[in-house]
Amino acid sequence: MKKPIVVAAVCILCAIAAAGFLYTAVFQKSGAKADIIEYVQTNQEALEQFATGLLADPPGVTAYNEEWQISWYPAAGMVEFITKGSGVGSATAYEGFYYSEDDRPIGFQGTEVDFVWDDTGWSWEETDGDNHERTERITARWYWFQMNF
């Protein structure tokens, strides 16, 4: 009689452990920033051709590698790749990378913001709100970013 209870308990514990692993692997991808940096460094030449082509003659595409949403802002000289988005409404966060034609930090969606430099990158915080952005240089003309609303 105790054997079925032990087997059921072990099965439940295994299911909980598997669900925890799946949640961590799929939803929390803690290496997103490192993955982005590695991707840009590895594929810089192809990315640069793609970005400069978009700024010169936009073909109307809205995705890169059928995975990441892209937007381009010719006035700012920026092409933005959103690799991760989460949340709803005022609790939304975006992460990705962007091409900066002038090799300078640019705010989310090509916005000019007053970034403040620290030891590893630039930060911006909205004066009368909770919006904030972090950006760091990956390599020449390429930057990682995280924007929180």
N, C-alpha and C. Protein backbone atom coordinates (compact mmCIF):
# COMPACT_ATOMS: atom_id res chain seq x y z
N MET A 1 0.82 -1.19 0.00
CA MET A 1 0.00 0.00 0.00
C MET A 1 0.86 1.26 0.00
N LYS A 2 2.01 1.26 0.68
CA LYS A 2 2.88 2.43 0.74
C LYS A 2 3.64 2.63 -0.56
N LYS A 3 3.88 1.57 -1.31
CA LYS A 3 4.65 1.67 -2.54
C LYS A 3 3.99 2.60 -3.57
N PRO A 4 2.67 2.51 -3.83
CA PRO A 4 2.05 3.44 -4.78
C PRO A 4 2.15 4.90 -4.33
N ILE A 5 2.09 5.15 -3.04
CA ILE A 5 2.19 6.52 -2.52
C ILE A 5 3.60 7.06 -2.75
N VAL A 6 4.61 6.23 -2.51
CA VAL A 6 6.00 6.64 -2.73
C VAL A 6 6.24 6.91 -4.21
N VAL A 7 5.73 6.04 -5.07
CA VAL A 7 5.89 6.21 -6.51
C VAL A 7 5.20 7.50 -6.95
N ALA A 8 4.00 7.75 -6.47
CA ALA A 8 3.27 8.97 -6.82
C ALA A 8 4.03 10.21 -6.34
N ALA A 9 4.58 10.15 -5.13
CA ALA A 9 5.34 11.29 -4.60
C ALA A 9 6.58 11.56 -5.43
N VAL A 10 7.28 10.51 -5.84
CA VAL A 10 8.47 10.67 -6.68
C VAL A 10 8.09 11.27 -8.03
N CYS A 11 6.99 10.80 -8.61
CA CYS A 11 6.52 11.35 -9.90
C CYS A 11 6.17 12.83 -9.77
N ILE A 12 5.51 13.20 -8.69
CA ILE A 12 5.15 14.61 -8.48
C ILE A 12 6.41 15.45 -8.33
N LEU A 13 7.37 14.99 -7.55
CA LEU A 13 8.62 15.73 -7.38
C LEU A 13 9.36 15.88 -8.71
N CYS A 14 9.38 14.83 -9.52
CA CYS A 14 10.03 14.91 -10.83
C CYS A 14 9.31 15.92 -11.74
N ALA A 15 7.99 15.93 -11.70
CA ALA A 15 7.22 16.89 -12.51
C ALA A 15 7.49 18.32 -12.07
N ILE A 16 7.57 18.55 -10.77
CA ILE A 16 7.87 19.89 -10.26
C ILE A 16 9.27 20.32 -10.68
N ALA A 17 10.23 19.41 -10.57
CA ALA A 17 11.61 19.73 -10.98
C ALA A 17 11.68 20.03 -12.47
N ALA A 18 11.00 19.23 -13.29
CA ALA A 18 11.00 19.46 -14.74
C ALA A 18 10.34 20.79 -15.09
N ALA A 19 9.24 21.12 -14.41
CA ALA A 19 8.57 22.39 -14.67
C ALA A 19 9.47 23.56 -14.28
N GLY A 20 10.18 23.44 -13.18
CA GLY A 20 11.11 24.49 -12.75
C GLY A 20 12.23 24.68 -13.74
N PHE A 21 12.78 23.59 -14.25
CA PHE A 21 13.84 23.66 -15.26
C PHE A 21 13.32 24.33 -16.53
N LEU A 22 12.14 23.91 -16.99
CA LEU A 22 11.55 24.47 -18.20
C LEU A 22 11.30 25.97 -18.02
N TYR A 23 10.77 26.37 -16.88
CA TYR A 23 10.51 27.78 -16.63
C TYR A 23 11.81 28.58 -16.70
N THR A 24 12.85 28.10 -16.05
CA THR A 24 14.13 28.79 -16.06
C THR A 24 14.72 28.84 -17.46
N ALA A 25 14.67 27.75 -18.18
CA ALA A 25 15.26 27.69 -19.52
C ALA A 25 14.52 28.56 -20.52
N VAL A 26 13.20 28.59 -20.44
CA VAL A 26 12.41 29.30 -21.44
C VAL A 26 12.13 30.74 -21.07
N PHE A 27 11.76 31.00 -19.83
CA PHE A 27 11.27 32.31 -19.46
C PHE A 27 12.29 33.22 -18.81
N GLN A 28 13.33 32.69 -18.22
CA GLN A 28 14.27 33.56 -17.52
C GLN A 28 15.61 33.68 -18.20
N LYS A 29 15.89 32.99 -19.20
CA LYS A 29 17.12 33.02 -19.99
C LYS A 29 18.12 34.07 -19.48
N SER A 30 18.77 33.74 -18.38
CA SER A 30 19.64 34.70 -17.70
C SER A 30 20.84 35.11 -18.54
N GLY A 31 21.20 34.36 -19.55
CA GLY A 31 22.34 34.70 -20.38
C GLY A 31 22.00 35.55 -21.58
N ALA A 32 20.84 36.19 -21.59
CA ALA A 32 20.41 36.95 -22.77
C ALA A 32 21.44 38.00 -23.18
N LYS A 33 21.93 38.79 -22.25
CA LYS A 33 22.89 39.84 -22.58
C LYS A 33 24.17 39.23 -23.16
N ALA A 34 24.70 38.22 -22.51
CA ALA A 34 25.92 37.57 -23.00
C ALA A 34 25.69 36.94 -24.37
N ASP A 35 24.50 36.36 -24.58
CA ASP A 35 24.17 35.76 -25.87
C ASP A 35 24.12 36.82 -26.97
N ILE A 36 23.53 37.97 -26.65
CA ILE A 36 23.45 39.07 -27.62
C ILE A 36 24.85 39.55 -27.99
N ILE A 37 25.67 39.77 -26.99
CA ILE A 37 27.03 40.26 -27.23
C ILE A 37 27.80 39.27 -28.11
N GLU A 38 27.70 38.00 -27.78
CA GLU A 38 28.40 36.98 -28.57
C GLU A 38 27.87 36.94 -30.00
N TYR A 39 26.56 37.04 -30.17
CA TYR A 39 25.96 37.01 -31.50
C TYR A 39 26.46 38.19 -32.35
N VAL A 40 26.44 39.38 -31.78
CA VAL A 40 26.87 40.57 -32.53
C VAL A 40 28.35 40.46 -32.88
N GLN A 41 29.18 40.07 -31.94
CA GLN A 41 30.61 39.95 -32.23
C GLN A 41 30.89 38.90 -33.30
N THR A 42 30.16 37.81 -33.28
CA THR A 42 30.36 36.73 -34.24
C THR A 42 29.83 37.09 -35.63
N ASN A 43 28.76 37.87 -35.68
CA ASN A 43 28.08 38.15 -36.95
C ASN A 43 28.15 39.62 -37.35
N GLN A 44 29.12 40.33 -36.85
CA GLN A 44 29.19 41.78 -37.05
C GLN A 44 29.17 42.18 -38.52
N GLU A 45 29.91 41.51 -39.36
CA GLU A 45 29.98 41.91 -40.77
C GLU A 45 28.62 41.79 -41.46
N ALA A 46 27.94 40.65 -41.28
CA ALA A 46 26.62 40.46 -41.90
C ALA A 46 25.60 41.43 -41.32
N LEU A 47 25.64 41.64 -40.02
CA LEU A 47 24.72 42.58 -39.38
C LEU A 47 24.93 44.00 -39.90
N GLU A 48 26.19 44.37 -40.05
CA GLU A 48 26.51 45.72 -40.53
C GLU A 48 26.01 45.92 -41.96
N GLN A 49 26.18 44.93 -42.82
CA GLN A 49 25.66 45.04 -44.18
C GLN A 49 24.14 45.18 -44.17
N PHE A 50 23.48 44.41 -43.32
CA PHE A 50 22.03 44.47 -43.20
C PHE A 50 21.59 45.85 -42.72
N ALA A 51 22.23 46.35 -41.65
CA ALA A 51 21.83 47.64 -41.07
C ALA A 51 22.08 48.80 -42.02
N THR A 52 23.25 48.84 -42.64
CA THR A 52 23.53 49.95 -43.55
C THR A 52 22.62 49.89 -44.78
N GLY A 53 22.27 48.68 -45.20
CA GLY A 53 21.32 48.54 -46.30
C GLY A 53 19.95 49.07 -45.94
N LEU A 54 19.50 48.80 -44.72
CA LEU A 54 18.20 49.31 -44.26
C LEU A 54 18.18 50.83 -44.23
N LEU A 55 19.25 51.40 -43.71
CA LEU A 55 19.30 52.86 -43.61
C LEU A 55 19.38 53.53 -44.98
N ALA A 56 20.02 52.87 -45.94
CA ALA A 56 20.18 53.44 -47.28
C ALA A 56 18.93 53.26 -48.14
N ASP A 57 18.31 52.07 -48.06
CA ASP A 57 17.17 51.76 -48.92
C ASP A 57 16.29 50.74 -48.21
N PRO A 58 15.39 51.18 -47.33
CA PRO A 58 14.57 50.26 -46.53
C PRO A 58 13.70 49.35 -47.40
N PRO A 59 13.84 48.02 -47.23
CA PRO A 59 13.06 47.08 -48.05
C PRO A 59 11.68 46.77 -47.49
N GLY A 60 11.34 47.24 -46.31
CA GLY A 60 10.04 46.96 -45.73
C GLY A 60 9.98 45.72 -44.86
N VAL A 61 11.11 45.15 -44.51
CA VAL A 61 11.11 43.99 -43.61
C VAL A 61 10.90 44.46 -42.17
N THR A 62 10.36 43.58 -41.34
CA THR A 62 10.13 43.93 -39.94
C THR A 62 10.74 42.92 -38.97
N ALA A 63 11.45 41.94 -39.52
CA ALA A 63 12.06 40.92 -38.66
C ALA A 63 13.43 40.55 -39.21
N TYR A 64 14.29 40.09 -38.32
CA TYR A 64 15.61 39.61 -38.70
C TYR A 64 15.70 38.17 -38.26
N ASN A 65 16.13 37.29 -39.15
CA ASN A 65 16.20 35.85 -38.87
C ASN A 65 14.84 35.28 -38.46
N GLU A 66 13.76 35.94 -38.86
CA GLU A 66 12.39 35.55 -38.53
C GLU A 66 12.16 35.44 -37.03
N GLU A 67 13.05 35.99 -36.22
CA GLU A 67 12.92 35.89 -34.77
C GLU A 67 12.80 37.26 -34.11
N TRP A 68 13.61 38.19 -34.53
CA TRP A 68 13.72 39.45 -33.82
C TRP A 68 13.03 40.57 -34.59
N GLN A 69 12.27 41.36 -33.85
CA GLN A 69 11.64 42.53 -34.45
C GLN A 69 12.71 43.58 -34.71
N ILE A 70 12.66 44.19 -35.88
CA ILE A 70 13.61 45.26 -36.20
C ILE A 70 12.86 46.53 -36.53
N SER A 71 13.49 47.63 -36.21
CA SER A 71 12.98 48.95 -36.57
C SER A 71 14.18 49.79 -36.95
N TRP A 72 13.97 50.73 -37.86
CA TRP A 72 15.08 51.59 -38.22
C TRP A 72 14.62 53.03 -38.18
N TYR A 73 15.57 53.88 -37.80
CA TYR A 73 15.32 55.29 -37.59
C TYR A 73 16.40 56.07 -38.34
N PRO A 74 16.18 56.34 -39.64
CA PRO A 74 17.20 56.99 -40.46
C PRO A 74 17.66 58.34 -39.91
N ALA A 75 16.76 59.12 -39.34
CA ALA A 75 17.15 60.43 -38.80
C ALA A 75 18.16 60.29 -37.67
N ALA A 76 18.06 59.21 -36.91
CA ALA A 76 19.00 58.96 -35.81
C ALA A 76 20.18 58.11 -36.26
N GLY A 77 20.12 57.54 -37.47
CA GLY A 77 21.17 56.64 -37.93
C GLY A 77 21.21 55.36 -37.13
N MET A 78 20.02 54.82 -36.82
CA MET A 78 19.91 53.66 -35.93
C MET A 78 19.07 52.56 -36.54
N VAL A 79 19.51 51.30 -36.32
CA VAL A 79 18.71 50.12 -36.61
C VAL A 79 18.65 49.33 -35.30
N GLU A 80 17.44 49.05 -34.85
CA GLU A 80 17.22 48.42 -33.54
C GLU A 80 16.69 47.00 -33.71
N PHE A 81 17.27 46.06 -32.98
CA PHE A 81 16.88 44.66 -32.99
C PHE A 81 16.36 44.31 -31.61
N ILE A 82 15.09 44.00 -31.49
CA ILE A 82 14.52 43.61 -30.19
C ILE A 82 14.55 42.09 -30.11
N THR A 83 15.33 41.58 -29.18
CA THR A 83 15.49 40.13 -29.05
C THR A 83 14.62 39.54 -27.96
N LYS A 84 14.13 40.40 -27.05
CA LYS A 84 13.32 39.90 -25.95
C LYS A 84 12.41 41.01 -25.47
N GLY A 85 11.15 40.69 -25.27
CA GLY A 85 10.20 41.62 -24.70
C GLY A 85 9.33 40.89 -23.71
N SER A 86 9.02 41.55 -22.61
CA SER A 86 8.17 40.91 -21.61
C SER A 86 7.37 41.96 -20.87
N GLY A 87 6.29 41.52 -20.26
CA GLY A 87 5.47 42.41 -19.46
C GLY A 87 4.31 42.98 -20.25
N VAL A 88 3.51 43.78 -19.55
CA VAL A 88 2.32 44.39 -20.12
C VAL A 88 2.22 45.83 -19.63
N GLY A 89 1.85 46.72 -20.53
CA GLY A 89 1.61 48.12 -20.15
C GLY A 89 2.82 48.78 -19.53
N SER A 90 2.61 49.33 -18.32
CA SER A 90 3.69 50.08 -17.67
C SER A 90 4.73 49.17 -17.02
N ALA A 91 4.60 47.88 -17.16
CA ALA A 91 5.58 46.95 -16.61
C ALA A 91 6.25 46.17 -17.74
N THR A 92 6.56 46.87 -18.82
CA THR A 92 7.14 46.23 -20.00
C THR A 92 8.65 46.45 -20.04
N ALA A 93 9.37 45.44 -20.48
CA ALA A 93 10.82 45.55 -20.64
C ALA A 93 11.21 44.99 -22.00
N TYR A 94 12.15 45.65 -22.65
CA TYR A 94 12.68 45.19 -23.92
C TYR A 94 14.19 45.07 -23.80
N GLU A 95 14.73 44.08 -24.51
CA GLU A 95 16.18 43.90 -24.55
C GLU A 95 16.57 43.61 -25.98
N GLY A 96 17.76 44.06 -26.35
CA GLY A 96 18.23 43.80 -27.70
C GLY A 96 19.54 44.51 -27.96
N PHE A 97 19.74 44.84 -29.23
CA PHE A 97 20.95 45.54 -29.63
C PHE A 97 20.62 46.47 -30.78
N TYR A 98 21.51 47.40 -31.03
CA TYR A 98 21.28 48.32 -32.14
C TYR A 98 22.57 48.75 -32.80
N TYR A 99 22.39 49.15 -34.05
CA TYR A 99 23.48 49.70 -34.85
C TYR A 99 23.37 51.21 -34.76
N SER A 100 24.50 51.86 -34.47
CA SER A 100 24.55 53.32 -34.39
C SER A 100 25.54 53.81 -35.44
N GLU A 101 25.01 54.40 -36.49
CA GLU A 101 25.82 54.85 -37.62
C GLU A 101 26.97 55.76 -37.17
N ASP A 102 26.70 56.63 -36.18
CA ASP A 102 27.71 57.56 -35.68
C ASP A 102 28.50 57.01 -34.50
N ASP A 103 28.29 55.73 -34.16
CA ASP A 103 28.97 55.08 -33.03
C ASP A 103 28.79 55.87 -31.73
N ARG A 104 27.52 56.15 -31.42
CA ARG A 104 27.19 56.84 -30.17
C ARG A 104 25.95 56.18 -29.58
N PRO A 105 25.79 56.23 -28.28
CA PRO A 105 24.58 55.64 -27.68
C PRO A 105 23.34 56.42 -28.09
N ILE A 106 22.28 55.69 -28.41
CA ILE A 106 21.01 56.28 -28.84
C ILE A 106 19.90 55.64 -28.01
N GLY A 107 18.92 56.42 -27.62
CA GLY A 107 17.81 55.90 -26.83
C GLY A 107 16.90 54.98 -27.61
N PHE A 108 16.08 54.23 -26.89
CA PHE A 108 15.11 53.30 -27.44
C PHE A 108 14.28 53.96 -28.53
N GLN A 109 14.11 53.28 -29.63
CA GLN A 109 13.35 53.74 -30.80
C GLN A 109 13.90 55.04 -31.38
N GLY A 110 15.22 55.20 -31.33
CA GLY A 110 15.87 56.35 -31.95
C GLY A 110 15.70 57.66 -31.21
N THR A 111 15.32 57.59 -29.95
CA THR A 111 15.07 58.78 -29.15
C THR A 111 16.37 59.36 -28.59
N GLU A 112 16.48 60.67 -28.65
CA GLU A 112 17.62 61.34 -28.02
C GLU A 112 17.33 61.47 -26.53
N VAL A 113 18.17 60.89 -25.71
CA VAL A 113 18.02 60.98 -24.25
C VAL A 113 19.35 61.42 -23.65
N ASP A 114 19.29 61.90 -22.44
CA ASP A 114 20.50 62.35 -21.73
C ASP A 114 21.09 61.19 -20.94
N PHE A 115 21.85 60.35 -21.64
CA PHE A 115 22.51 59.24 -20.97
C PHE A 115 23.59 59.75 -20.02
N VAL A 116 23.80 59.01 -18.95
CA VAL A 116 24.86 59.30 -18.00
C VAL A 116 25.83 58.12 -18.03
N TRP A 117 27.12 58.42 -18.22
CA TRP A 117 28.16 57.39 -18.30
C TRP A 117 28.51 56.87 -16.91
N ASP A 118 28.73 55.55 -16.82
CA ASP A 118 29.33 54.98 -15.62
C ASP A 118 30.48 54.09 -16.08
N ASP A 119 30.92 53.18 -15.29
CA ASP A 119 32.11 52.39 -15.61
C ASP A 119 31.97 51.48 -16.83
N THR A 120 30.76 51.02 -17.14
CA THR A 120 30.61 50.04 -18.21
C THR A 120 29.66 50.46 -19.33
N GLY A 121 28.97 51.56 -19.18
CA GLY A 121 28.01 51.96 -20.20
C GLY A 121 27.27 53.22 -19.80
N TRP A 122 26.08 53.36 -20.33
CA TRP A 122 25.28 54.56 -20.11
C TRP A 122 23.92 54.19 -19.57
N SER A 123 23.37 55.06 -18.73
CA SER A 123 22.05 54.87 -18.17
C SER A 123 21.23 56.14 -18.34
N TRP A 124 19.93 55.95 -18.38
CA TRP A 124 19.01 57.08 -18.44
C TRP A 124 17.80 56.73 -17.59
N GLU A 125 17.32 57.71 -16.82
CA GLU A 125 16.11 57.54 -16.02
C GLU A 125 15.19 58.71 -16.28
N GLU A 126 13.92 58.42 -16.48
CA GLU A 126 12.93 59.46 -16.68
C GLU A 126 12.80 60.29 -15.41
N THR A 127 12.78 61.60 -15.55
CA THR A 127 12.74 62.50 -14.40
C THR A 127 11.47 62.32 -13.57
N ASP A 128 10.32 62.33 -14.22
CA ASP A 128 9.05 62.24 -13.49
C ASP A 128 8.32 60.94 -13.80
N GLY A 129 9.01 59.83 -13.74
CA GLY A 129 8.39 58.55 -14.03
C GLY A 129 9.32 57.41 -13.67
N ASP A 130 8.94 56.22 -14.11
CA ASP A 130 9.75 55.05 -13.79
C ASP A 130 10.44 54.42 -15.00
N ASN A 131 10.38 55.08 -16.16
CA ASN A 131 11.06 54.56 -17.35
C ASN A 131 12.56 54.71 -17.18
N HIS A 132 13.30 53.68 -17.58
CA HIS A 132 14.76 53.76 -17.55
C HIS A 132 15.37 52.82 -18.59
N GLU A 133 16.55 53.22 -19.05
CA GLU A 133 17.24 52.46 -20.08
C GLU A 133 18.71 52.32 -19.72
N ARG A 134 19.27 51.19 -20.13
CA ARG A 134 20.69 50.91 -19.96
C ARG A 134 21.24 50.50 -21.32
N THR A 135 22.39 51.04 -21.70
CA THR A 135 23.02 50.65 -22.96
C THR A 135 24.53 50.53 -22.76
N GLU A 136 25.12 49.56 -23.44
CA GLU A 136 26.56 49.32 -23.35
C GLU A 136 27.11 49.02 -24.74
N ARG A 137 28.29 49.53 -25.00
CA ARG A 137 28.93 49.31 -26.30
C ARG A 137 29.42 47.87 -26.39
N ILE A 138 29.08 47.21 -27.49
CA ILE A 138 29.54 45.84 -27.74
C ILE A 138 30.84 45.89 -28.53
N THR A 139 30.81 46.63 -29.62
CA THR A 139 31.94 46.80 -30.51
C THR A 139 31.65 48.05 -31.34
N ALA A 140 32.53 48.42 -32.23
CA ALA A 140 32.32 49.63 -33.03
C ALA A 140 30.94 49.65 -33.67
N ARG A 141 30.17 50.67 -33.37
CA ARG A 141 28.83 50.94 -33.90
C ARG A 141 27.73 50.00 -33.42
N TRP A 142 28.00 49.11 -32.50
CA TRP A 142 27.00 48.16 -32.00
C TRP A 142 26.87 48.26 -30.49
N TYR A 143 25.62 48.30 -30.02
CA TYR A 143 25.32 48.50 -28.61
C TYR A 143 24.24 47.53 -28.14
N TRP A 144 24.37 47.04 -26.93
CA TRP A 144 23.33 46.27 -26.25
C TRP A 144 22.45 47.27 -25.51
N PHE A 145 21.16 46.96 -25.34
CA PHE A 145 20.30 47.83 -24.54
C PHE A 145 19.25 47.02 -23.78
N GLN A 146 18.75 47.65 -22.73
CA GLN A 146 17.58 47.16 -22.01
C GLN A 146 16.75 48.36 -21.64
N MET A 147 15.48 48.36 -22.06
CA MET A 147 14.57 49.46 -21.80
C MET A 147 13.43 48.97 -20.92
N ASN A 148 13.14 49.69 -19.86
CA ASN A 148 12.07 49.32 -18.93
C ASN A 148 11.06 50.45 -18.82
N PHE A 149 9.79 50.11 -18.95
CA PHE A 149 8.71 51.08 -18.81
C PHE A 149 7.99 50.87 -17.50
